[in-house]
């Protein structure tokens, strides 16, 4: 069984149009988009981060409906690592 710790905001199953979610993240926590990628079922996964380290992961479906998947504190950006030689 998998347990995921989520913030109070994420636990409330916050879903709305993507534009509304993005605006709310800026208005409340000054979070901006820092990374994104496509997942199965045409879902867009986005990571929003503030300068003070708060972060939110948002999943958007093909219809434009976005939901907060998780959120927290202490985000630390990392530089991509070079794979070991021979791989």
N, C-alpha and C. Protein backbone atom coordinates (compact mmCIF):
# COMPACT_ATOMS: atom_id res chain seq x y z
N UNK A 1 0.85 -1.17 0.00
CA UNK A 1 0.00 0.00 0.00
C UNK A 1 0.89 1.23 0.00
N UNK A 2 0.53 2.23 -0.79
CA UNK A 2 1.32 3.45 -0.93
C UNK A 2 0.64 4.59 -0.20
N UNK A 3 1.40 5.27 0.64
CA UNK A 3 0.89 6.44 1.35
C UNK A 3 1.70 7.65 0.91
N UNK A 4 1.02 8.73 0.57
CA UNK A 4 1.68 9.95 0.13
C UNK A 4 1.30 11.07 1.08
N UNK A 5 2.30 11.73 1.66
CA UNK A 5 2.04 12.88 2.52
C UNK A 5 1.73 14.09 1.65
N UNK A 6 0.63 14.74 1.96
CA UNK A 6 0.23 15.90 1.18
C UNK A 6 -0.12 17.05 2.11
N UNK A 7 0.00 18.25 1.59
CA UNK A 7 -0.36 19.42 2.38
C UNK A 7 -1.87 19.49 2.53
N UNK A 8 -2.32 20.36 3.39
CA UNK A 8 -3.75 20.56 3.57
C UNK A 8 -4.41 20.98 2.27
N UNK A 9 -3.75 21.86 1.52
CA UNK A 9 -4.32 22.33 0.26
C UNK A 9 -4.53 21.17 -0.70
N UNK A 10 -3.53 20.31 -0.85
CA UNK A 10 -3.64 19.19 -1.77
C UNK A 10 -4.68 18.19 -1.30
N UNK A 11 -4.77 17.99 0.00
CA UNK A 11 -5.72 17.02 0.54
C UNK A 11 -7.16 17.43 0.29
N UNK A 12 -7.39 18.70 -0.01
CA UNK A 12 -8.74 19.18 -0.26
C UNK A 12 -9.19 18.90 -1.69
N UNK A 13 -8.36 18.22 -2.49
CA UNK A 13 -8.69 17.89 -3.87
C UNK A 13 -9.09 19.14 -4.64
N UNK A 14 -8.18 20.09 -4.71
CA UNK A 14 -8.43 21.36 -5.39
C UNK A 14 -8.34 21.15 -6.88
N UNK A 15 -9.44 21.36 -7.58
CA UNK A 15 -9.49 21.24 -9.03
C UNK A 15 -10.25 22.43 -9.60
N UNK A 16 -9.78 22.91 -10.74
CA UNK A 16 -10.42 24.04 -11.43
C UNK A 16 -9.80 24.13 -12.81
N UNK A 17 -10.22 25.12 -13.58
CA UNK A 17 -9.57 25.37 -14.87
C UNK A 17 -8.11 25.70 -14.61
N UNK A 18 -7.23 25.28 -15.52
CA UNK A 18 -5.80 25.48 -15.32
C UNK A 18 -5.47 26.93 -15.01
N UNK A 19 -6.04 27.85 -15.77
CA UNK A 19 -5.74 29.27 -15.57
C UNK A 19 -6.06 29.72 -14.15
N UNK A 20 -7.14 29.20 -13.59
CA UNK A 20 -7.52 29.57 -12.23
C UNK A 20 -6.55 29.00 -11.20
N UNK A 21 -6.12 27.75 -11.40
CA UNK A 21 -5.18 27.12 -10.48
C UNK A 21 -3.85 27.87 -10.51
N UNK A 22 -3.35 28.17 -11.71
CA UNK A 22 -2.08 28.88 -11.84
C UNK A 22 -2.15 30.25 -11.16
N UNK A 23 -3.24 30.96 -11.36
CA UNK A 23 -3.41 32.28 -10.74
C UNK A 23 -3.46 32.17 -9.22
N UNK A 24 -4.15 31.16 -8.72
CA UNK A 24 -4.25 30.95 -7.27
C UNK A 24 -2.87 30.65 -6.66
N UNK A 25 -2.08 29.85 -7.36
CA UNK A 25 -0.74 29.54 -6.86
C UNK A 25 0.12 30.80 -6.79
N UNK A 26 -0.02 31.69 -7.76
CA UNK A 26 0.73 32.94 -7.73
C UNK A 26 0.21 33.87 -6.62
N UNK A 27 -1.11 34.02 -6.57
CA UNK A 27 -1.70 34.96 -5.61
C UNK A 27 -1.41 34.57 -4.17
N UNK A 28 -1.46 33.30 -3.85
CA UNK A 28 -1.29 32.86 -2.46
C UNK A 28 0.15 32.60 -2.06
N UNK A 29 0.96 32.04 -2.98
CA UNK A 29 2.31 31.60 -2.61
C UNK A 29 3.40 32.11 -3.54
N UNK A 30 3.06 32.90 -4.56
CA UNK A 30 4.01 33.41 -5.55
C UNK A 30 4.80 32.27 -6.21
N UNK A 31 4.09 31.18 -6.48
CA UNK A 31 4.71 30.04 -7.15
C UNK A 31 4.61 30.21 -8.66
N UNK A 32 5.70 29.86 -9.36
CA UNK A 32 5.75 29.93 -10.81
C UNK A 32 6.15 28.57 -11.37
N UNK A 33 5.78 28.33 -12.61
CA UNK A 33 6.08 27.07 -13.28
C UNK A 33 7.59 26.93 -13.46
N UNK A 34 8.13 25.80 -13.01
CA UNK A 34 9.57 25.55 -13.14
C UNK A 34 9.90 24.29 -13.92
N UNK A 35 8.95 23.37 -14.05
CA UNK A 35 9.18 22.13 -14.79
C UNK A 35 7.85 21.55 -15.21
N UNK A 36 7.87 20.81 -16.32
CA UNK A 36 6.65 20.12 -16.75
C UNK A 36 7.00 18.94 -17.64
N UNK A 37 6.03 18.04 -17.79
CA UNK A 37 6.21 16.88 -18.64
C UNK A 37 4.87 16.23 -18.92
N UNK A 38 4.83 15.40 -19.94
CA UNK A 38 3.60 14.70 -20.30
C UNK A 38 3.59 13.32 -19.68
N UNK A 39 2.44 12.93 -19.17
CA UNK A 39 2.24 11.61 -18.59
C UNK A 39 1.24 10.84 -19.45
N UNK A 40 0.96 9.62 -19.05
CA UNK A 40 -0.01 8.81 -19.78
C UNK A 40 -1.38 9.47 -19.76
N UNK A 41 -2.24 9.06 -20.65
CA UNK A 41 -3.60 9.56 -20.79
C UNK A 41 -3.63 11.06 -21.09
N UNK A 42 -2.61 11.56 -21.79
CA UNK A 42 -2.55 12.97 -22.19
C UNK A 42 -2.65 13.93 -21.02
N UNK A 43 -2.03 13.58 -19.92
CA UNK A 43 -2.02 14.46 -18.75
C UNK A 43 -0.71 15.24 -18.70
N UNK A 44 -0.83 16.51 -18.36
CA UNK A 44 0.32 17.39 -18.20
C UNK A 44 0.65 17.49 -16.71
N UNK A 45 1.89 17.19 -16.36
CA UNK A 45 2.36 17.29 -14.98
C UNK A 45 3.22 18.55 -14.90
N UNK A 46 2.91 19.43 -13.94
CA UNK A 46 3.65 20.69 -13.79
C UNK A 46 4.09 20.87 -12.34
N UNK A 47 5.27 21.45 -12.18
CA UNK A 47 5.80 21.76 -10.87
C UNK A 47 5.92 23.28 -10.76
N UNK A 48 5.26 23.84 -9.75
CA UNK A 48 5.31 25.27 -9.47
C UNK A 48 6.09 25.46 -8.18
N UNK A 49 7.00 26.45 -8.16
CA UNK A 49 7.88 26.66 -7.01
C UNK A 49 7.98 28.16 -6.73
N UNK A 50 8.06 28.50 -5.44
CA UNK A 50 8.27 29.90 -5.05
C UNK A 50 9.72 30.11 -4.65
N UNK A 51 10.13 31.36 -4.55
CA UNK A 51 11.50 31.68 -4.13
C UNK A 51 11.77 31.23 -2.69
N UNK A 52 10.72 31.12 -1.87
CA UNK A 52 10.93 30.71 -0.47
C UNK A 52 10.88 29.19 -0.30
N UNK A 53 10.73 28.43 -1.40
CA UNK A 53 10.82 26.97 -1.33
C UNK A 53 9.52 26.22 -1.29
N UNK A 54 8.37 26.92 -1.28
CA UNK A 54 7.11 26.17 -1.36
C UNK A 54 6.96 25.62 -2.77
N UNK A 55 6.27 24.48 -2.90
CA UNK A 55 6.10 23.86 -4.21
C UNK A 55 4.73 23.19 -4.30
N UNK A 56 4.25 23.08 -5.54
CA UNK A 56 2.98 22.42 -5.82
C UNK A 56 3.10 21.65 -7.12
N UNK A 57 2.60 20.42 -7.13
CA UNK A 57 2.53 19.62 -8.35
C UNK A 57 1.08 19.62 -8.81
N UNK A 58 0.88 20.01 -10.08
CA UNK A 58 -0.45 20.12 -10.66
C UNK A 58 -0.55 19.15 -11.84
N UNK A 59 -1.68 18.46 -11.93
CA UNK A 59 -1.94 17.55 -13.06
C UNK A 59 -3.12 18.11 -13.83
N UNK A 60 -2.93 18.30 -15.15
CA UNK A 60 -3.98 18.84 -16.01
C UNK A 60 -4.36 17.79 -17.04
N UNK A 61 -5.67 17.55 -17.20
CA UNK A 61 -6.11 16.57 -18.20
C UNK A 61 -6.36 17.27 -19.53
N UNK A 62 -6.72 16.50 -20.54
CA UNK A 62 -6.89 17.02 -21.89
C UNK A 62 -8.01 18.05 -22.00
N UNK A 63 -8.94 18.03 -21.07
CA UNK A 63 -10.05 19.00 -21.11
C UNK A 63 -9.66 20.34 -20.50
N UNK A 64 -8.47 20.43 -19.88
CA UNK A 64 -8.03 21.67 -19.25
C UNK A 64 -8.32 21.73 -17.76
N UNK A 65 -8.86 20.65 -17.19
CA UNK A 65 -9.14 20.59 -15.76
C UNK A 65 -7.85 20.25 -15.03
N UNK A 66 -7.48 21.11 -14.07
CA UNK A 66 -6.25 20.93 -13.30
C UNK A 66 -6.56 20.61 -11.86
N UNK A 67 -5.76 19.72 -11.27
CA UNK A 67 -5.92 19.36 -9.87
C UNK A 67 -4.57 19.40 -9.19
N UNK A 68 -4.56 19.88 -7.94
CA UNK A 68 -3.35 19.85 -7.14
C UNK A 68 -3.13 18.41 -6.70
N UNK A 69 -1.96 17.85 -7.04
CA UNK A 69 -1.64 16.48 -6.68
C UNK A 69 -0.88 16.40 -5.37
N UNK A 70 -0.03 17.39 -5.13
CA UNK A 70 0.76 17.41 -3.91
C UNK A 70 1.35 18.80 -3.75
N UNK A 71 1.76 19.13 -2.53
CA UNK A 71 2.37 20.42 -2.25
C UNK A 71 3.21 20.30 -0.99
N UNK A 72 4.16 21.21 -0.84
CA UNK A 72 4.99 21.16 0.35
C UNK A 72 5.97 22.31 0.43
N UNK A 73 6.98 22.14 1.25
CA UNK A 73 8.01 23.15 1.50
C UNK A 73 9.39 22.54 1.28
N UNK A 74 10.38 23.40 1.15
CA UNK A 74 11.76 22.95 1.09
C UNK A 74 12.22 22.48 -0.28
N UNK A 75 11.63 23.01 -1.34
CA UNK A 75 12.06 22.62 -2.68
C UNK A 75 13.50 23.06 -2.89
N UNK A 76 14.33 22.17 -3.42
CA UNK A 76 15.72 22.48 -3.71
C UNK A 76 15.99 22.13 -5.16
N UNK A 77 16.27 23.13 -6.00
CA UNK A 77 16.58 22.82 -7.40
C UNK A 77 17.91 22.08 -7.52
N UNK A 78 18.00 21.21 -8.47
CA UNK A 78 19.22 20.43 -8.70
C UNK A 78 19.63 20.57 -10.16
N UNK A 79 20.94 20.58 -10.41
CA UNK A 79 21.45 20.54 -11.76
C UNK A 79 21.40 19.10 -12.25
N UNK A 80 21.11 18.89 -13.53
CA UNK A 80 21.11 17.52 -14.05
C UNK A 80 22.48 16.88 -13.85
N UNK A 81 22.48 15.61 -13.54
CA UNK A 81 23.73 14.88 -13.32
C UNK A 81 24.15 14.18 -14.61
N UNK A 82 25.44 14.10 -14.81
CA UNK A 82 25.98 13.36 -15.96
C UNK A 82 26.01 11.88 -15.58
N UNK A 83 25.50 11.01 -16.47
CA UNK A 83 25.52 9.58 -16.13
C UNK A 83 26.96 9.07 -16.06
N UNK A 84 27.16 8.03 -15.26
CA UNK A 84 28.51 7.44 -15.16
C UNK A 84 28.99 6.95 -16.51
N UNK A 85 30.30 6.97 -16.72
CA UNK A 85 30.87 6.47 -17.99
C UNK A 85 30.54 5.00 -18.16
N UNK A 86 30.28 4.63 -19.40
CA UNK A 86 29.98 3.25 -19.70
C UNK A 86 28.49 2.91 -19.65
N UNK A 87 27.64 3.91 -19.42
CA UNK A 87 26.21 3.64 -19.40
C UNK A 87 25.53 4.22 -20.60
